[in-house]
N, C-alpha and C. Protein backbone atom coordinates (compact mmCIF):
# COMPACT_ATOMS: atom_id res chain seq x y z
N UNK A 1 32.93 32.50 12.98
CA UNK A 1 32.06 31.59 12.74
C UNK A 1 32.67 30.98 13.84
N UNK A 2 33.96 30.44 14.47
CA UNK A 2 34.42 29.46 15.45
C UNK A 2 33.81 29.95 16.64
N UNK A 3 33.23 30.95 16.74
CA UNK A 3 32.38 30.69 17.85
C UNK A 3 31.29 30.39 18.32
N UNK A 4 30.69 30.80 16.66
CA UNK A 4 29.14 30.36 16.76
C UNK A 4 29.29 28.75 16.87
N UNK A 5 30.51 28.07 16.14
CA UNK A 5 30.07 26.45 16.10
C UNK A 5 30.73 25.96 17.72
N UNK A 6 31.40 26.58 18.23
CA UNK A 6 31.74 26.36 20.00
C UNK A 6 30.34 26.47 20.91
N UNK A 7 29.71 27.36 20.60
CA UNK A 7 28.60 27.59 21.06
C UNK A 7 27.76 26.60 20.66
N UNK A 8 27.49 26.25 19.40
CA UNK A 8 26.48 25.37 18.91
C UNK A 8 26.97 23.80 19.52
N UNK A 9 28.38 23.73 19.58
CA UNK A 9 28.68 22.42 20.00
C UNK A 9 28.50 22.26 21.70
N UNK A 10 28.66 23.26 22.41
CA UNK A 10 28.21 23.24 23.86
C UNK A 10 26.60 23.04 24.10
N UNK A 11 25.60 23.47 23.19
CA UNK A 11 24.89 23.59 23.15
C UNK A 11 24.31 22.05 22.99
N UNK A 12 24.67 21.23 21.92
CA UNK A 12 24.51 19.80 21.78
C UNK A 12 24.81 18.78 22.92
N UNK A 13 26.16 19.36 23.28
CA UNK A 13 26.54 18.76 24.62
C UNK A 13 25.73 18.50 25.93
N UNK A 14 25.56 19.81 26.31
CA UNK A 14 24.44 20.40 27.29
C UNK A 14 23.11 19.20 27.18
N UNK A 15 22.41 19.34 25.90
CA UNK A 15 21.04 18.57 25.86
C UNK A 15 21.81 17.08 25.73
N UNK A 16 22.32 16.70 25.31
CA UNK A 16 23.09 15.00 25.36
C UNK A 16 22.99 14.59 27.26
N UNK A 17 23.98 15.43 27.44
CA UNK A 17 24.20 14.72 28.91
C UNK A 17 22.87 14.77 29.70
N UNK A 18 21.75 15.90 29.68
CA UNK A 18 20.40 16.37 29.97
C UNK A 18 19.62 14.62 29.90
N UNK A 19 19.41 14.45 27.93
CA UNK A 19 19.06 13.24 28.22
C UNK A 19 19.57 12.02 28.75
N UNK A 20 20.51 12.03 28.62
CA UNK A 20 21.56 10.77 29.46
C UNK A 20 21.35 10.92 30.99
N UNK A 21 21.43 11.78 31.48
CA UNK A 21 21.01 12.03 32.82
C UNK A 21 19.17 11.77 33.47
N UNK A 22 18.56 12.03 32.41
CA UNK A 22 16.72 11.89 32.99
C UNK A 22 16.86 10.25 32.53
N UNK A 23 17.25 9.92 31.36
CA UNK A 23 16.92 8.43 30.99
C UNK A 23 17.84 7.36 32.12
N UNK A 24 18.72 8.20 32.49
CA UNK A 24 19.82 6.90 33.82
C UNK A 24 19.10 6.91 35.18
N UNK A 25 17.97 8.33 35.36
CA UNK A 25 17.74 8.38 36.91
C UNK A 25 16.60 8.39 36.76
N UNK A 26 15.66 7.85 35.31
CA UNK A 26 13.91 7.63 35.62
C UNK A 26 13.34 8.85 35.96
N UNK A 27 13.83 9.86 35.75
CA UNK A 27 13.36 11.20 36.10
C UNK A 27 12.20 11.26 35.43
N UNK A 28 11.72 10.50 33.77
CA UNK A 28 10.77 10.30 33.12
C UNK A 28 9.47 9.70 33.45
N UNK A 29 9.46 9.06 34.79
CA UNK A 29 8.89 8.52 35.53
C UNK A 29 7.84 8.81 36.28
N UNK A 30 8.90 10.18 36.79
CA UNK A 30 8.24 10.68 37.97
C UNK A 30 6.78 11.22 37.62
N UNK A 31 6.23 11.06 36.66
CA UNK A 31 5.01 11.80 36.49
C UNK A 31 3.69 10.66 36.98
N UNK A 32 4.35 9.52 37.21
CA UNK A 32 3.53 8.48 37.37
C UNK A 32 3.83 8.05 39.01
N UNK A 33 2.43 7.89 39.96
CA UNK A 33 2.81 7.48 41.16
C UNK A 33 3.32 6.07 41.18
N UNK A 34 4.43 5.91 42.37
CA UNK A 34 5.17 4.38 42.28
C UNK A 34 4.54 3.81 43.51
N UNK A 35 4.82 2.40 43.48
CA UNK A 35 4.27 1.29 44.63
C UNK A 35 5.99 1.26 45.12
N UNK A 36 5.81 0.58 46.33
CA UNK A 36 7.17 0.02 47.38
C UNK A 36 8.57 -0.50 46.05
N UNK A 37 8.08 -0.91 45.37
CA UNK A 37 9.48 -1.30 44.16
C UNK A 37 9.98 0.17 43.66
N UNK A 38 8.87 1.44 43.53
CA UNK A 38 9.40 2.16 42.17
C UNK A 38 8.92 1.86 41.47
N UNK A 39 8.00 1.04 40.92
CA UNK A 39 7.06 0.73 39.49
C UNK A 39 6.02 1.35 39.45
N UNK A 40 5.90 1.86 38.23
CA UNK A 40 4.61 2.86 38.38
C UNK A 40 3.40 2.86 38.51
N UNK A 41 2.52 3.16 38.94
CA UNK A 41 1.21 2.27 39.20
C UNK A 41 0.21 3.25 38.04
N UNK A 42 -0.20 3.01 37.30
CA UNK A 42 -1.39 3.29 36.06
C UNK A 42 -2.58 3.26 36.32
N UNK A 43 -3.19 3.89 37.09
CA UNK A 43 -4.77 3.94 37.20
C UNK A 43 -5.40 2.93 35.69
N UNK A 44 -6.25 2.08 36.01
CA UNK A 44 -6.75 1.34 35.37
C UNK A 44 -7.72 2.11 34.60
N UNK A 45 -8.58 2.87 35.32
CA UNK A 45 -10.01 3.64 34.86
C UNK A 45 -9.64 4.71 34.11
N UNK A 46 -10.16 5.10 33.16
CA UNK A 46 -10.03 6.13 31.93
C UNK A 46 -10.40 7.53 33.16
N UNK A 47 -9.86 8.45 32.24
CA UNK A 47 -10.15 9.80 32.84
C UNK A 47 -12.16 10.43 32.37
N UNK A 48 -12.76 10.68 33.33
CA UNK A 48 -13.88 10.73 32.52
C UNK A 48 -14.28 11.85 31.23
N UNK A 49 -13.49 12.61 31.69
CA UNK A 49 -13.36 13.49 29.89
C UNK A 49 -12.83 12.81 29.06
N UNK A 50 -12.07 12.06 28.80
CA UNK A 50 -11.30 11.32 27.81
C UNK A 50 -12.92 9.98 27.10
N UNK A 51 -13.38 9.19 28.52
CA UNK A 51 -14.25 8.83 28.31
C UNK A 51 -15.17 9.15 27.53
N UNK A 52 -15.62 10.08 27.92
CA UNK A 52 -16.64 10.73 26.87
C UNK A 52 -16.36 11.11 26.05
N UNK A 53 -15.24 11.56 25.60
CA UNK A 53 -14.68 12.10 23.88
C UNK A 53 -14.56 10.67 23.43
N UNK A 54 -14.14 9.52 23.70
CA UNK A 54 -14.01 8.24 23.06
C UNK A 54 -15.27 7.73 22.62
N UNK A 55 -16.90 7.93 23.70
CA UNK A 55 -18.07 7.54 23.68
C UNK A 55 -18.45 8.56 22.42
N UNK A 56 -18.30 9.84 22.15
CA UNK A 56 -18.66 10.89 21.30
C UNK A 56 -18.20 10.62 19.70
N UNK A 57 -16.88 10.33 20.05
CA UNK A 57 -16.45 9.23 18.51
C UNK A 57 -16.82 7.90 17.99
N UNK A 58 -17.52 7.52 19.41
CA UNK A 58 -18.12 5.80 18.52
C UNK A 58 -19.06 6.80 18.05
N UNK A 59 -19.88 7.18 18.49
CA UNK A 59 -21.45 7.46 18.35
C UNK A 59 -21.26 8.19 16.55
N UNK A 60 -20.26 9.10 16.22
CA UNK A 60 -19.83 9.47 15.30
C UNK A 60 -19.69 8.72 14.07
N UNK A 61 -18.73 7.43 14.68
CA UNK A 61 -18.65 6.69 13.48
C UNK A 61 -19.63 5.66 13.42
N UNK A 62 -20.45 5.48 14.15
CA UNK A 62 -21.83 4.47 14.06
C UNK A 62 -22.96 5.51 12.80
N UNK A 63 -22.82 7.13 13.17
CA UNK A 63 -23.43 7.35 12.13
C UNK A 63 -22.65 7.32 10.79
N UNK A 64 -21.47 8.10 10.87
CA UNK A 64 -20.74 7.95 9.38
C UNK A 64 -21.24 6.34 8.52
N UNK A 65 -20.93 5.08 9.32
CA UNK A 65 -21.26 3.95 8.92
C UNK A 65 -22.91 3.75 8.40
N UNK A 66 -23.89 3.90 8.81
CA UNK A 66 -24.90 3.99 9.04
C UNK A 66 -25.45 5.19 7.14
N UNK A 67 -24.77 6.12 7.48
CA UNK A 67 -24.63 7.09 6.71
C UNK A 67 -24.44 6.21 4.87
N UNK A 68 -22.83 5.37 4.94
CA UNK A 68 -22.33 4.93 3.67
C UNK A 68 -22.94 3.38 3.51
N UNK A 69 -23.81 2.93 4.73
CA UNK A 69 -24.34 1.80 4.26
C UNK A 69 -25.82 2.05 3.50
N UNK A 70 -26.56 3.00 3.70
CA UNK A 70 -27.83 3.82 3.46
C UNK A 70 -27.49 4.08 1.94
N UNK A 71 -26.33 5.01 1.89
CA UNK A 71 -26.24 5.39 0.54
C UNK A 71 -25.68 4.05 -0.78
N UNK A 72 -25.48 3.67 -0.20
CA UNK A 72 -24.60 1.91 -0.92
C UNK A 72 -25.83 1.26 -1.08
N UNK A 73 -26.93 1.57 -0.56
CA UNK A 73 -27.94 0.56 -0.81
C UNK A 73 -29.02 1.59 -1.60
N UNK A 74 -28.96 2.59 -1.09
CA UNK A 74 -29.84 3.29 -2.42
C UNK A 74 -29.35 3.27 -3.53
N UNK A 75 -27.73 3.44 -4.04
CA UNK A 75 -27.11 3.07 -5.31
C UNK A 75 -27.71 1.89 -5.91
N UNK A 76 -27.49 0.89 -4.64
CA UNK A 76 -27.93 -0.21 -5.84
C UNK A 76 -29.12 -0.42 -6.26
N UNK A 77 -29.87 -0.51 -5.39
CA UNK A 77 -31.44 -0.32 -5.55
C UNK A 77 -31.46 1.06 -7.33
N UNK A 78 -31.17 1.97 -7.01
CA UNK A 78 -30.88 2.36 -8.30
C UNK A 78 -31.00 2.08 -9.17
N UNK A 79 -29.62 1.21 -9.35
CA UNK A 79 -29.19 0.39 -10.55
C UNK A 79 -29.84 -0.74 -10.81
N UNK A 80 -30.15 -1.62 -9.71
CA UNK A 80 -31.58 -2.36 -9.96
C UNK A 80 -32.47 -2.10 -10.71
N UNK A 81 -33.25 -1.04 -10.57
CA UNK A 81 -34.56 -0.48 -11.18
C UNK A 81 -34.09 -0.07 -12.44
N UNK A 82 -32.93 0.23 -12.68
CA UNK A 82 -32.71 0.91 -14.22
C UNK A 82 -32.60 -0.36 -15.16
N UNK A 83 -31.73 -1.43 -14.05
CA UNK A 83 -31.68 -2.60 -15.22
C UNK A 83 -33.06 -3.14 -15.58
N UNK A 84 -33.68 -3.17 -15.02
CA UNK A 84 -35.34 -3.87 -15.06
C UNK A 84 -36.36 -2.84 -16.03
N UNK A 85 -35.71 -1.53 -15.96
CA UNK A 85 -36.13 -0.84 -17.40
C UNK A 85 -35.84 -1.34 -18.68
N UNK A 86 -37.29 -1.05 -19.58
CA UNK A 86 -36.92 -1.54 -21.08
C UNK A 86 -36.92 -0.30 -21.33
N UNK A 87 -35.83 -0.08 -22.16
CA UNK A 87 -35.76 0.98 -23.10
C UNK A 87 -36.91 1.17 -24.23
N UNK A 88 -37.21 2.03 -24.85
CA UNK A 88 -38.63 2.47 -25.65
C UNK A 88 -37.60 1.25 -27.41
N UNK A 89 -36.09 1.72 -27.76
CA UNK A 89 -35.75 1.33 -28.16
C UNK A 89 -36.19 -0.58 -28.89
N UNK A 90 -35.52 -0.96 -27.62
CA UNK A 90 -35.99 -2.58 -27.31
C UNK A 90 -37.10 -2.98 -27.59
N UNK A 91 -38.21 -2.26 -27.24
CA UNK A 91 -39.32 -2.67 -27.34
C UNK A 91 -40.22 -3.66 -26.58
N UNK A 92 -41.06 -3.92 -25.89
CA UNK A 92 -41.39 -4.56 -24.86
C UNK A 92 -42.05 -5.65 -25.54
């Protein structure tokens, strides 16, 4: 059991050291191009595939909003018609 504890302790120490080293050396920023000062340059224009997906999702949201609104109007109209109907018990 002591051997497994030692292995676990070494594993945790190695992971902590790697996280510390990556954070202090800025290696996590290597995925972005940098300018002369080393600051990351992030492209202002989104990728075309992502933009296409966002546009598709916006269209879907518009359709869902229209469906919800139409359903609400239909229910309101049905309730109004029902309230205007005179039941045979009341006598007109």
